[in-house]
Amino acid sequence: MIFTPTKPEGCFIIEPNVIKDQRGYFMESFNQARFEAATGITTPFVQDNQSYSSKGVLRGLHYQTGDYAQAKLVRVLQGEVLDVAVDIRPGSATFGEHVAIVLSAENQKQLYIPRGFAHGFLVLSNTATFFYKCDNLYNKESEGGIIYNDPTIGIDWSMPEADLLISEKDTILPTLQSSKKAW
């Protein structure tokens, strides 16, 4: 596995070693000991989530606060997405900065997102199955979000806004600066 740190600091792009032959492929998608050795981070994952979405679906930008803050390890099982993580840690030198990466079933890349980041993704393929491991349980009272098109963050979603499919809940999220549920 190759672990590449990103800016903003704290996220890692993970590229597993994929062994291919005439039968298909085999890969180790996660190994706690290798993860800790490469990143210096101990993250015991306690909840796995999976979603299925159509082209143009944008989910996010979501986070949880306080005792229910979550680190995530995300990957795509089928299809392709643009995955985005935004640093919302107060006092961070990279507050408000983001990392964006294409994750797909073909490239098998993963993104580790630490606590203190908002997360979202846009489906680029006809459909996508998205999988994520979380180091904390979901808690409705602790959830927060930031509007996907916050101009101070400046995410290029690579798709015309008219083609995006966004939940009503996600269209009324506040900007980073006016977020009521500050990290």
C-alpha atoms as a PDB file:
ATOM      1  CA  MET A   1       0.000   0.000   0.000  1.00  0.00           C
ATOM      2  CA  ILE A   2       1.114   3.510  -0.769  1.00  0.00           C
ATOM      3  CA  PHE A   3       0.102   6.251   1.691  1.00  0.00           C
ATOM      4  CA  THR A   4       0.368   9.810   0.364  1.00  0.00           C
ATOM      5  CA  PRO A   5      -0.270  12.747   2.735  1.00  0.00           C
ATOM      6  CA  THR A   6      -2.318  15.594   1.308  1.00  0.00           C
ATOM      7  CA  LYS A   7      -2.781  19.247   1.909  1.00  0.00           C
ATOM      8  CA  PRO A   8      -4.722  20.045   4.001  1.00  0.00           C
ATOM      9  CA  GLU A   9      -2.700  18.073   6.505  1.00  0.00           C
ATOM     10  CA  GLY A  10      -4.232  14.995   8.081  1.00  0.00           C
ATOM     11  CA  CYS A  11      -5.778  13.346   5.028  1.00  0.00           C
ATOM     12  CA  PHE A  12      -4.062  10.487   3.213  1.00  0.00           C
ATOM     13  CA  ILE A  13      -4.594   9.050  -0.254  1.00  0.00           C
ATOM     14  CA  ILE A  14      -4.201   5.290  -0.010  1.00  0.00           C
ATOM     15  CA  GLU A  15      -3.367   3.159  -3.024  1.00  0.00           C
ATOM     16  CA  PRO A  16      -3.624  -0.574  -2.339  1.00  0.00           C
ATOM     17  CA  ASN A  17      -1.459  -3.153  -4.051  1.00  0.00           C
ATOM     18  CA  VAL A  18      -3.813  -4.759  -6.587  1.00  0.00           C
ATOM     19  CA  ILE A  19      -2.735  -8.175  -7.849  1.00  0.00           C
ATOM     20  CA  LYS A  20      -4.359  -8.929 -11.202  1.00  0.00           C
ATOM     21  CA  ASP A  21      -4.390 -12.064 -13.331  1.00  0.00           C
ATOM     22  CA  GLN A  22      -6.699 -13.874 -15.758  1.00  0.00           C
ATOM     23  CA  ARG A  23      -9.131 -14.653 -12.901  1.00  0.00           C
ATOM     24  CA  GLY A  24      -9.596 -11.040 -11.840  1.00  0.00           C
ATOM     25  CA  TYR A  25      -7.828  -9.317  -8.968  1.00  0.00           C
ATOM     26  CA  PHE A  26      -7.066  -9.515  -5.255  1.00  0.00           C
ATOM     27  CA  MET A  27      -6.213  -6.666  -2.921  1.00  0.00           C
ATOM     28  CA  GLU A  28      -5.964  -5.923   0.754  1.00  0.00           C
ATOM     29  CA  SER A  29      -8.321  -2.961   1.210  1.00  0.00           C
ATOM     30  CA  PHE A  30      -7.377  -2.232   4.827  1.00  0.00           C
ATOM     31  CA  ASN A  31      -4.751  -3.367   7.305  1.00  0.00           C
ATOM     32  CA  GLN A  32      -4.737  -1.683  10.719  1.00  0.00           C
ATOM     33  CA  ALA A  33      -1.040  -2.308  11.409  1.00  0.00           C
ATOM     34  CA  ARG A  34       0.076  -0.987   7.994  1.00  0.00           C
ATOM     35  CA  PHE A  35      -2.224   2.023   8.353  1.00  0.00           C
ATOM     36  CA  GLU A  36      -0.828   2.929  11.781  1.00  0.00           C
ATOM     37  CA  ALA A  37       2.793   2.405  10.689  1.00  0.00           C
ATOM     38  CA  ALA A  38       2.382   4.607   7.600  1.00  0.00           C
ATOM     39  CA  THR A  39       0.282   7.398   9.117  1.00  0.00           C
ATOM     40  CA  GLY A  40       1.044   7.345  12.839  1.00  0.00           C
ATOM     41  CA  ILE A  41      -2.719   7.369  13.414  1.00  0.00           C
ATOM     42  CA  THR A  42      -4.649   4.868  15.518  1.00  0.00           C
ATOM     43  CA  THR A  43      -8.208   4.774  14.230  1.00  0.00           C
ATOM     44  CA  PRO A  44     -10.376   1.896  15.415  1.00  0.00           C
ATOM     45  CA  PHE A  45     -13.282   1.809  12.970  1.00  0.00           C
ATOM     46  CA  VAL A  46     -16.675   0.979  14.533  1.00  0.00           C
ATOM     47  CA  GLN A  47     -19.240   1.565  11.773  1.00  0.00           C
ATOM     48  CA  ASP A  48     -19.336   0.834   8.038  1.00  0.00           C
ATOM     49  CA  ASN A  49     -21.719   2.679   5.708  1.00  0.00           C
ATOM     50  CA  GLN A  50     -22.580   2.185   2.059  1.00  0.00           C
ATOM     51  CA  SER A  51     -24.572   4.285  -0.383  1.00  0.00           C
ATOM     52  CA  TYR A  52     -25.719   3.842  -3.966  1.00  0.00           C
ATOM     53  CA  SER A  53     -26.334   6.916  -6.105  1.00  0.00           C
ATOM     54  CA  SER A  54     -26.905   8.008  -9.694  1.00  0.00           C
ATOM     55  CA  LYS A  55     -24.844  10.363 -11.849  1.00  0.00           C
ATOM     56  CA  GLY A  56     -24.957  13.944 -10.607  1.00  0.00           C
ATOM     57  CA  VAL A  57     -25.872  13.075  -7.009  1.00  0.00           C
ATOM     58  CA  LEU A  58     -23.936  15.323  -4.639  1.00  0.00           C
ATOM     59  CA  ARG A  59     -23.919  14.330  -0.970  1.00  0.00           C
ATOM     60  CA  GLY A  60     -22.405  16.733   1.529  1.00  0.00           C
ATOM     61  CA  LEU A  61     -20.604  18.519   2.898  1.00  0.00           C
ATOM     62  CA  HIS A  62     -21.255  16.696   6.193  1.00  0.00           C
ATOM     63  CA  TYR A  63     -19.519  16.325   9.544  1.00  0.00           C
ATOM     64  CA  GLN A  64     -20.224  15.457  13.184  1.00  0.00           C
ATOM     65  CA  THR A  65     -19.121  17.497  16.194  1.00  0.00           C
ATOM     66  CA  GLY A  66     -18.002  16.954  19.768  1.00  0.00           C
ATOM     67  CA  ASP A  67     -17.951  13.462  21.220  1.00  0.00           C
ATOM     68  CA  TYR A  68     -19.384  12.092  17.966  1.00  0.00           C
ATOM     69  CA  ALA A  69     -16.834  13.575  15.558  1.00  0.00           C
ATOM     70  CA  GLN A  70     -15.828  11.010  12.945  1.00  0.00           C
ATOM     71  CA  ALA A  71     -12.738  10.053  10.991  1.00  0.00           C
ATOM     72  CA  LYS A  72     -13.547   8.189   7.761  1.00  0.00           C
ATOM     73  CA  LEU A  73     -11.849   5.912   5.284  1.00  0.00           C
ATOM     74  CA  VAL A  74     -13.746   6.129   1.999  1.00  0.00           C
ATOM     75  CA  ARG A  75     -13.631   4.229  -1.287  1.00  0.00           C
ATOM     76  CA  VAL A  76     -15.760   3.381  -4.309  1.00  0.00           C
ATOM     77  CA  LEU A  77     -16.862  -0.209  -4.910  1.00  0.00           C
ATOM     78  CA  GLN A  78     -18.567   0.475  -8.244  1.00  0.00           C
ATOM     79  CA  GLY A  79     -18.437   3.565 -10.461  1.00  0.00           C
ATOM     80  CA  GLU A  80     -16.579   6.846  -9.972  1.00  0.00           C
ATOM     81  CA  VAL A  81     -16.926   9.886  -7.707  1.00  0.00           C
ATOM     82  CA  LEU A  82     -15.213  13.171  -7.006  1.00  0.00           C
ATOM     83  CA  ASP A  83     -14.509  12.986  -3.275  1.00  0.00           C
ATOM     84  CA  VAL A  84     -13.893  16.152  -1.234  1.00  0.00           C
ATOM     85  CA  ALA A  85     -12.731  16.804   2.338  1.00  0.00           C
ATOM     86  CA  VAL A  86     -12.666  20.334   3.826  1.00  0.00           C
ATOM     87  CA  ASP A  87     -10.569  21.293   6.858  1.00  0.00           C
ATOM     88  CA  ILE A  88     -12.900  22.819   9.465  1.00  0.00           C
ATOM     89  CA  ARG A  89     -10.527  22.575  12.439  1.00  0.00           C
ATOM     90  CA  PRO A  90     -10.401  25.913  14.266  1.00  0.00           C
ATOM     91  CA  GLY A  91      -6.872  27.232  14.458  1.00  0.00           C
ATOM     92  CA  SER A  92      -5.669  24.958  11.672  1.00  0.00           C
ATOM     93  CA  ALA A  93      -3.205  26.574   9.255  1.00  0.00           C
ATOM     94  CA  THR A  94      -5.277  25.036   6.444  1.00  0.00           C
ATOM     95  CA  PHE A  95      -8.747  25.936   7.788  1.00  0.00           C
ATOM     96  CA  GLY A  96     -11.183  26.162   4.868  1.00  0.00           C
ATOM     97  CA  GLU A  97      -8.857  24.398   2.425  1.00  0.00           C
ATOM     98  CA  HIS A  98      -9.913  21.186   0.724  1.00  0.00           C
ATOM     99  CA  VAL A  99      -8.605  18.114  -1.011  1.00  0.00           C
ATOM    100  CA  ALA A 100     -10.484  16.708  -4.017  1.00  0.00           C
ATOM    101  CA  ILE A 101      -9.712  13.353  -5.602  1.00  0.00           C
ATOM    102  CA  VAL A 102     -11.379  11.036  -8.084  1.00  0.00           C
ATOM    103  CA  LEU A 103     -12.075   7.684  -6.442  1.00  0.00           C
ATOM    104  CA  SER A 104     -13.234   4.804  -8.596  1.00  0.00           C
ATOM    105  CA  ALA A 105     -13.646   1.052  -8.697  1.00  0.00           C
ATOM    106  CA  GLU A 106     -10.996   1.112 -11.407  1.00  0.00           C
ATOM    107  CA  ASN A 107      -8.270   3.108  -9.626  1.00  0.00           C
ATOM    108  CA  GLN A 108      -9.063   1.519  -6.196  1.00  0.00           C
ATOM    109  CA  LYS A 109      -7.793   4.644  -4.404  1.00  0.00           C
ATOM    110  CA  GLN A 110      -9.074   5.456  -0.933  1.00  0.00           C
ATOM    111  CA  LEU A 111      -9.089   8.654   1.096  1.00  0.00           C
ATOM    112  CA  TYR A 112      -8.563   8.816   4.847  1.00  0.00           C
ATOM    113  CA  ILE A 113     -10.316  11.842   6.349  1.00  0.00           C
ATOM    114  CA  PRO A 114      -9.549  12.714   9.994  1.00  0.00           C
ATOM    115  CA  ARG A 115     -11.902  14.211  12.538  1.00  0.00           C
ATOM    116  CA  GLY A 116     -12.349  17.931  11.975  1.00  0.00           C
ATOM    117  CA  PHE A 117     -13.139  17.706   8.269  1.00  0.00           C
ATOM    118  CA  ALA A 118     -16.404  18.081   6.374  1.00  0.00           C
ATOM    119  CA  HIS A 119     -16.890  15.469   3.659  1.00  0.00           C
ATOM    120  CA  GLY A 120     -18.860  15.194   0.443  1.00  0.00           C
ATOM    121  CA  PHE A 121     -18.827  13.514  -2.932  1.00  0.00           C
ATOM    122  CA  LEU A 122     -20.280  13.849  -6.425  1.00  0.00           C
ATOM    123  CA  VAL A 123     -21.117  10.823  -8.585  1.00  0.00           C
ATOM    124  CA  LEU A 124     -19.384  11.121 -11.973  1.00  0.00           C
ATOM    125  CA  SER A 125     -20.379   7.745 -13.474  1.00  0.00           C
ATOM    126  CA  ASN A 126     -23.908   6.535 -14.311  1.00  0.00           C
ATOM    127  CA  THR A 127     -24.103   4.997 -10.832  1.00  0.00           C
ATOM    128  CA  ALA A 128     -21.712   4.532  -7.923  1.00  0.00           C
ATOM    129  CA  THR A 129     -21.554   2.422  -4.801  1.00  0.00           C
ATOM    130  CA  PHE A 130     -19.682   4.323  -2.095  1.00  0.00           C
ATOM    131  CA  PHE A 131     -18.274   2.657   1.030  1.00  0.00           C
ATOM    132  CA  TYR A 132     -16.932   4.294   4.145  1.00  0.00           C
ATOM    133  CA  LYS A 133     -15.561   3.162   7.469  1.00  0.00           C
ATOM    134  CA  CYS A 134     -16.130   5.472  10.456  1.00  0.00           C
ATOM    135  CA  ASP A 135     -14.307   5.596  13.778  1.00  0.00           C
ATOM    136  CA  ASN A 136     -17.419   6.764  15.640  1.00  0.00           C
ATOM    137  CA  LEU A 137     -21.126   6.040  15.513  1.00  0.00           C
ATOM    138  CA  TYR A 138     -23.650   8.255  13.747  1.00  0.00           C
ATOM    139  CA  ASN A 139     -25.417  10.718  16.051  1.00  0.00           C
ATOM    140  CA  LYS A 140     -28.176  12.909  14.618  1.00  0.00           C
ATOM    141  CA  GLU A 141     -27.805  15.619  17.277  1.00  0.00           C
ATOM    142  CA  SER A 142     -24.112  16.031  16.428  1.00  0.00           C
ATOM    143  CA  GLU A 143     -24.439  16.313  12.657  1.00  0.00           C
ATOM    144  CA  GLY A 144     -23.538  19.493  10.847  1.00  0.00           C
ATOM    145  CA  GLY A 145     -22.887  20.596   7.325  1.00  0.00           C
ATOM    146  CA  ILE A 146     -21.574  23.243   4.971  1.00  0.00           C
ATOM    147  CA  ILE A 147     -23.151  24.271   1.679  1.00  0.00           C
ATOM    148  CA  TYR A 148     -21.483  22.525  -1.262  1.00  0.00           C
ATOM    149  CA  ASN A 149     -20.936  25.753  -3.233  1.00  0.00           C
ATOM    150  CA  ASP A 150     -19.469  27.929  -0.472  1.00  0.00           C
ATOM    151  CA  PRO A 151     -17.445  30.525  -2.425  1.00  0.00           C
ATOM    152  CA  THR A 152     -14.792  30.800   0.298  1.00  0.00           C
ATOM    153  CA  ILE A 153     -13.968  27.099  -0.124  1.00  0.00           C
ATOM    154  CA  GLY A 154     -14.149  27.197  -3.924  1.00  0.00           C
ATOM    155  CA  ILE A 155     -14.678  23.541  -4.788  1.00  0.00           C
ATOM    156  CA  ASP A 156     -14.726  22.807  -8.519  1.00  0.00           C
ATOM    157  CA  TRP A 157     -17.294  20.012  -8.686  1.00  0.00           C
ATOM    158  CA  SER A 158     -16.537  19.524 -12.411  1.00  0.00           C
ATOM    159  CA  MET A 159     -20.218  19.378 -13.360  1.00  0.00           C
ATOM    160  CA  PRO A 160     -22.708  22.136 -14.255  1.00  0.00           C
ATOM    161  CA  GLU A 161     -24.793  23.110 -11.242  1.00  0.00           C
ATOM    162  CA  ALA A 162     -27.993  22.459 -13.225  1.00  0.00           C
ATOM    163  CA  ASP A 163     -26.982  18.772 -13.501  1.00  0.00           C
ATOM    164  CA  LEU A 164     -26.506  18.240  -9.757  1.00  0.00           C
ATOM    165  CA  LEU A 165     -29.004  16.181  -7.747  1.00  0.00           C
ATOM    166  CA  ILE A 166     -28.894  17.436  -4.163  1.00  0.00           C
ATOM    167  CA  SER A 167     -31.178  16.695  -1.220  1.00  0.00           C
ATOM    168  CA  GLU A 168     -33.245  19.588   0.075  1.00  0.00           C
ATOM    169  CA  LYS A 169     -31.423  19.243   3.390  1.00  0.00           C
ATOM    170  CA  ASP A 170     -28.044  19.758   1.699  1.00  0.00           C
ATOM    171  CA  THR A 171     -29.207  22.788  -0.327  1.00  0.00           C
ATOM    172  CA  ILE A 172     -29.944  24.808   2.816  1.00  0.00           C
ATOM    173  CA  LEU A 173     -26.715  24.156   4.712  1.00  0.00           C
ATOM    174  CA  PRO A 174     -24.829  27.250   5.932  1.00  0.00           C
ATOM    175  CA  THR A 175     -21.492  28.514   4.646  1.00  0.00           C
ATOM    176  CA  LEU A 176     -18.339  27.596   6.537  1.00  0.00           C
ATOM    177  CA  GLN A 177     -18.131  31.062   8.121  1.00  0.00           C
ATOM    178  CA  SER A 178     -21.768  31.059   9.262  1.00  0.00           C
ATOM    179  CA  SER A 179     -22.009  27.420  10.278  1.00  0.00           C
ATOM    180  CA  LYS A 180     -24.079  27.206  13.450  1.00  0.00           C
ATOM    181  CA  LYS A 181     -22.502  23.915  14.440  1.00  0.00           C
ATOM    182  CA  ALA A 182     -18.903  25.007  14.535  1.00  0.00           C
ATOM    183  CA  TRP A 183     -16.327  22.313  14.979  1.00  0.00           C
END
